Amino acid sequence: MTSTISGIVTDNTGGIVPGANVSIKHNATGVAQESITNADGSFSFPNMNSGSYTVTVSLQGFKTVVVNNVVITAGSPASVRATLEVGGLTEQVTVTSSS
């Protein structure tokens, strides 16, 4: 059974961020997928296997955001909201999530 991880990326003023790189990694298997936020600043990874994922969001000129422990179960999707702060890609903000 599968479900969806979706979300929106904003900056620290609440503005949407199109063109951000979003990657997700299944923590148990290490399988990763990548996407880019659309014009609405949103992203979606449909048909993902149940389990715990790490979501990483990055964009030139902003600190990288890492959201740990995004959990999906069959038929129960997860929603992620990532807020990018101005800074370098080498700087990282880690967010721990629980569903």
C-alpha atoms as a PDB file:
ATOM      1  CA  MET A   1       0.000   0.000   0.000  1.00  0.00           C
ATOM      2  CA  THR A   2       1.156   3.497  -0.792  1.00  0.00           C
ATOM      3  CA  SER A   3       0.476   7.092   0.146  1.00  0.00           C
ATOM      4  CA  THR A   4       1.635  10.617  -0.704  1.00  0.00           C
ATOM      5  CA  ILE A   5       4.132  13.085   0.722  1.00  0.00           C
ATOM      6  CA  SER A   6       3.282  16.612  -0.324  1.00  0.00           C
ATOM      7  CA  GLY A   7       3.989  20.093   0.917  1.00  0.00           C
ATOM      8  CA  ILE A   8       4.714  23.720   0.343  1.00  0.00           C
ATOM      9  CA  VAL A   9       7.928  25.713   0.543  1.00  0.00           C
ATOM     10  CA  THR A  10       7.900  29.314   1.731  1.00  0.00           C
ATOM     11  CA  ASP A  11      10.498  31.890   2.717  1.00  0.00           C
ATOM     12  CA  ASN A  12      10.666  33.443   6.174  1.00  0.00           C
ATOM     13  CA  THR A  13       8.280  36.237   5.090  1.00  0.00           C
ATOM     14  CA  GLY A  14       5.609  33.684   4.104  1.00  0.00           C
ATOM     15  CA  GLY A  15       6.169  34.090   0.356  1.00  0.00           C
ATOM     16  CA  ILE A  16       5.991  30.986  -1.814  1.00  0.00           C
ATOM     17  CA  VAL A  17       9.248  29.602  -3.209  1.00  0.00           C
ATOM     18  CA  PRO A  18       9.025  28.089  -6.698  1.00  0.00           C
ATOM     19  CA  GLY A  19      12.017  26.198  -8.114  1.00  0.00           C
ATOM     20  CA  ALA A  20      13.326  24.800  -4.821  1.00  0.00           C
ATOM     21  CA  ASN A  21      14.930  21.348  -4.908  1.00  0.00           C
ATOM     22  CA  VAL A  22      13.074  18.793  -2.786  1.00  0.00           C
ATOM     23  CA  SER A  23      14.442  15.325  -2.107  1.00  0.00           C
ATOM     24  CA  ILE A  24      12.941  12.574  -0.009  1.00  0.00           C
ATOM     25  CA  LYS A  25      14.689   9.495   1.319  1.00  0.00           C
ATOM     26  CA  HIS A  26      12.996   6.402   2.760  1.00  0.00           C
ATOM     27  CA  ASN A  27      14.893   5.952   6.029  1.00  0.00           C
ATOM     28  CA  ALA A  28      14.698   2.137   6.076  1.00  0.00           C
ATOM     29  CA  THR A  29      15.667   1.462   2.456  1.00  0.00           C
ATOM     30  CA  GLY A  30      17.707   4.549   1.540  1.00  0.00           C
ATOM     31  CA  VAL A  31      15.709   4.933  -1.694  1.00  0.00           C
ATOM     32  CA  ALA A  32      15.602   8.612  -2.690  1.00  0.00           C
ATOM     33  CA  GLN A  33      13.570  10.690  -5.124  1.00  0.00           C
ATOM     34  CA  GLU A  34      13.842  14.332  -6.171  1.00  0.00           C
ATOM     35  CA  SER A  35      11.465  17.010  -7.390  1.00  0.00           C
ATOM     36  CA  ILE A  36      11.264  20.779  -7.802  1.00  0.00           C
ATOM     37  CA  THR A  37       8.571  23.015  -6.332  1.00  0.00           C
ATOM     38  CA  ASN A  38       6.089  24.346  -8.871  1.00  0.00           C
ATOM     39  CA  ALA A  39       4.891  27.955  -9.391  1.00  0.00           C
ATOM     40  CA  ASP A  40       2.724  27.617  -6.253  1.00  0.00           C
ATOM     41  CA  GLY A  41       5.745  26.548  -4.158  1.00  0.00           C
ATOM     42  CA  SER A  42       4.252  23.092  -3.722  1.00  0.00           C
ATOM     43  CA  PHE A  43       5.552  19.585  -4.329  1.00  0.00           C
ATOM     44  CA  SER A  44       4.116  16.075  -4.283  1.00  0.00           C
ATOM     45  CA  PHE A  45       5.517  12.553  -4.231  1.00  0.00           C
ATOM     46  CA  PRO A  46       2.589  10.188  -4.917  1.00  0.00           C
ATOM     47  CA  ASN A  47       2.598   6.404  -4.578  1.00  0.00           C
ATOM     48  CA  MET A  48       5.270   6.268  -1.885  1.00  0.00           C
ATOM     49  CA  ASN A  49       5.702   3.158   0.270  1.00  0.00           C
ATOM     50  CA  SER A  50       4.715   3.408   3.915  1.00  0.00           C
ATOM     51  CA  GLY A  51       7.443   4.316   6.363  1.00  0.00           C
ATOM     52  CA  SER A  52       9.572   7.125   7.720  1.00  0.00           C
ATOM     53  CA  TYR A  53      11.176   9.631   5.341  1.00  0.00           C
ATOM     54  CA  THR A  54      13.658  12.478   5.504  1.00  0.00           C
ATOM     55  CA  VAL A  55      12.682  15.499   3.383  1.00  0.00           C
ATOM     56  CA  THR A  56      15.434  17.918   2.315  1.00  0.00           C
ATOM     57  CA  VAL A  57      14.687  21.293   0.690  1.00  0.00           C
ATOM     58  CA  SER A  58      17.379  23.493  -0.833  1.00  0.00           C
ATOM     59  CA  LEU A  59      17.702  26.542  -3.066  1.00  0.00           C
ATOM     60  CA  GLN A  60      20.619  28.803  -3.951  1.00  0.00           C
ATOM     61  CA  GLY A  61      20.775  31.729  -1.510  1.00  0.00           C
ATOM     62  CA  PHE A  62      18.890  29.913   1.269  1.00  0.00           C
ATOM     63  CA  LYS A  63      19.823  27.596   4.123  1.00  0.00           C
ATOM     64  CA  THR A  64      19.007  23.934   3.459  1.00  0.00           C
ATOM     65  CA  VAL A  65      16.045  22.629   5.486  1.00  0.00           C
ATOM     66  CA  VAL A  66      15.954  18.988   6.617  1.00  0.00           C
ATOM     67  CA  VAL A  67      12.687  17.583   8.006  1.00  0.00           C
ATOM     68  CA  ASN A  68      13.252  14.256   9.779  1.00  0.00           C
ATOM     69  CA  ASN A  69      10.771  11.481  10.552  1.00  0.00           C
ATOM     70  CA  VAL A  70       8.007  12.313   8.085  1.00  0.00           C
ATOM     71  CA  VAL A  71       5.833   9.210   8.509  1.00  0.00           C
ATOM     72  CA  ILE A  72       3.253   7.947   6.026  1.00  0.00           C
ATOM     73  CA  THR A  73       1.078   4.884   6.265  1.00  0.00           C
ATOM     74  CA  ALA A  74      -1.174   3.274   3.683  1.00  0.00           C
ATOM     75  CA  GLY A  75      -3.917   5.735   2.844  1.00  0.00           C
ATOM     76  CA  SER A  76      -2.613   8.312   5.322  1.00  0.00           C
ATOM     77  CA  PRO A  77      -0.610  11.014   3.501  1.00  0.00           C
ATOM     78  CA  ALA A  78       1.877  13.405   5.093  1.00  0.00           C
ATOM     79  CA  SER A  79       2.078  17.139   4.563  1.00  0.00           C
ATOM     80  CA  VAL A  80       5.325  19.079   5.004  1.00  0.00           C
ATOM     81  CA  ARG A  81       5.717  22.832   5.297  1.00  0.00           C
ATOM     82  CA  ALA A  82       9.320  23.976   4.881  1.00  0.00           C
ATOM     83  CA  THR A  83      10.390  27.554   5.572  1.00  0.00           C
ATOM     84  CA  LEU A  84      13.629  28.620   3.909  1.00  0.00           C
ATOM     85  CA  GLU A  85      15.818  31.222   5.569  1.00  0.00           C
ATOM     86  CA  VAL A  86      18.283  33.422   3.712  1.00  0.00           C
ATOM     87  CA  GLY A  87      21.800  31.976   3.954  1.00  0.00           C
ATOM     88  CA  GLY A  88      24.215  29.669   2.195  1.00  0.00           C
ATOM     89  CA  LEU A  89      23.486  26.113   1.032  1.00  0.00           C
ATOM     90  CA  THR A  90      26.155  24.891   3.440  1.00  0.00           C
ATOM     91  CA  GLU A  91      24.074  26.144   6.367  1.00  0.00           C
ATOM     92  CA  GLN A  92      21.362  23.745   7.461  1.00  0.00           C
ATOM     93  CA  VAL A  93      18.163  23.955   9.505  1.00  0.00           C
ATOM     94  CA  THR A  94      16.905  20.634  10.889  1.00  0.00           C
ATOM     95  CA  VAL A  95      13.232  20.150  11.781  1.00  0.00           C
ATOM     96  CA  THR A  96      11.963  17.108  13.618  1.00  0.00           C
ATOM     97  CA  SER A  97       8.435  16.132  12.616  1.00  0.00           C
ATOM     98  CA  SER A  98       5.986  13.712  14.098  1.00  0.00           C
ATOM     99  CA  SER A  99       2.673  12.652  12.630  1.00  0.00           C
END
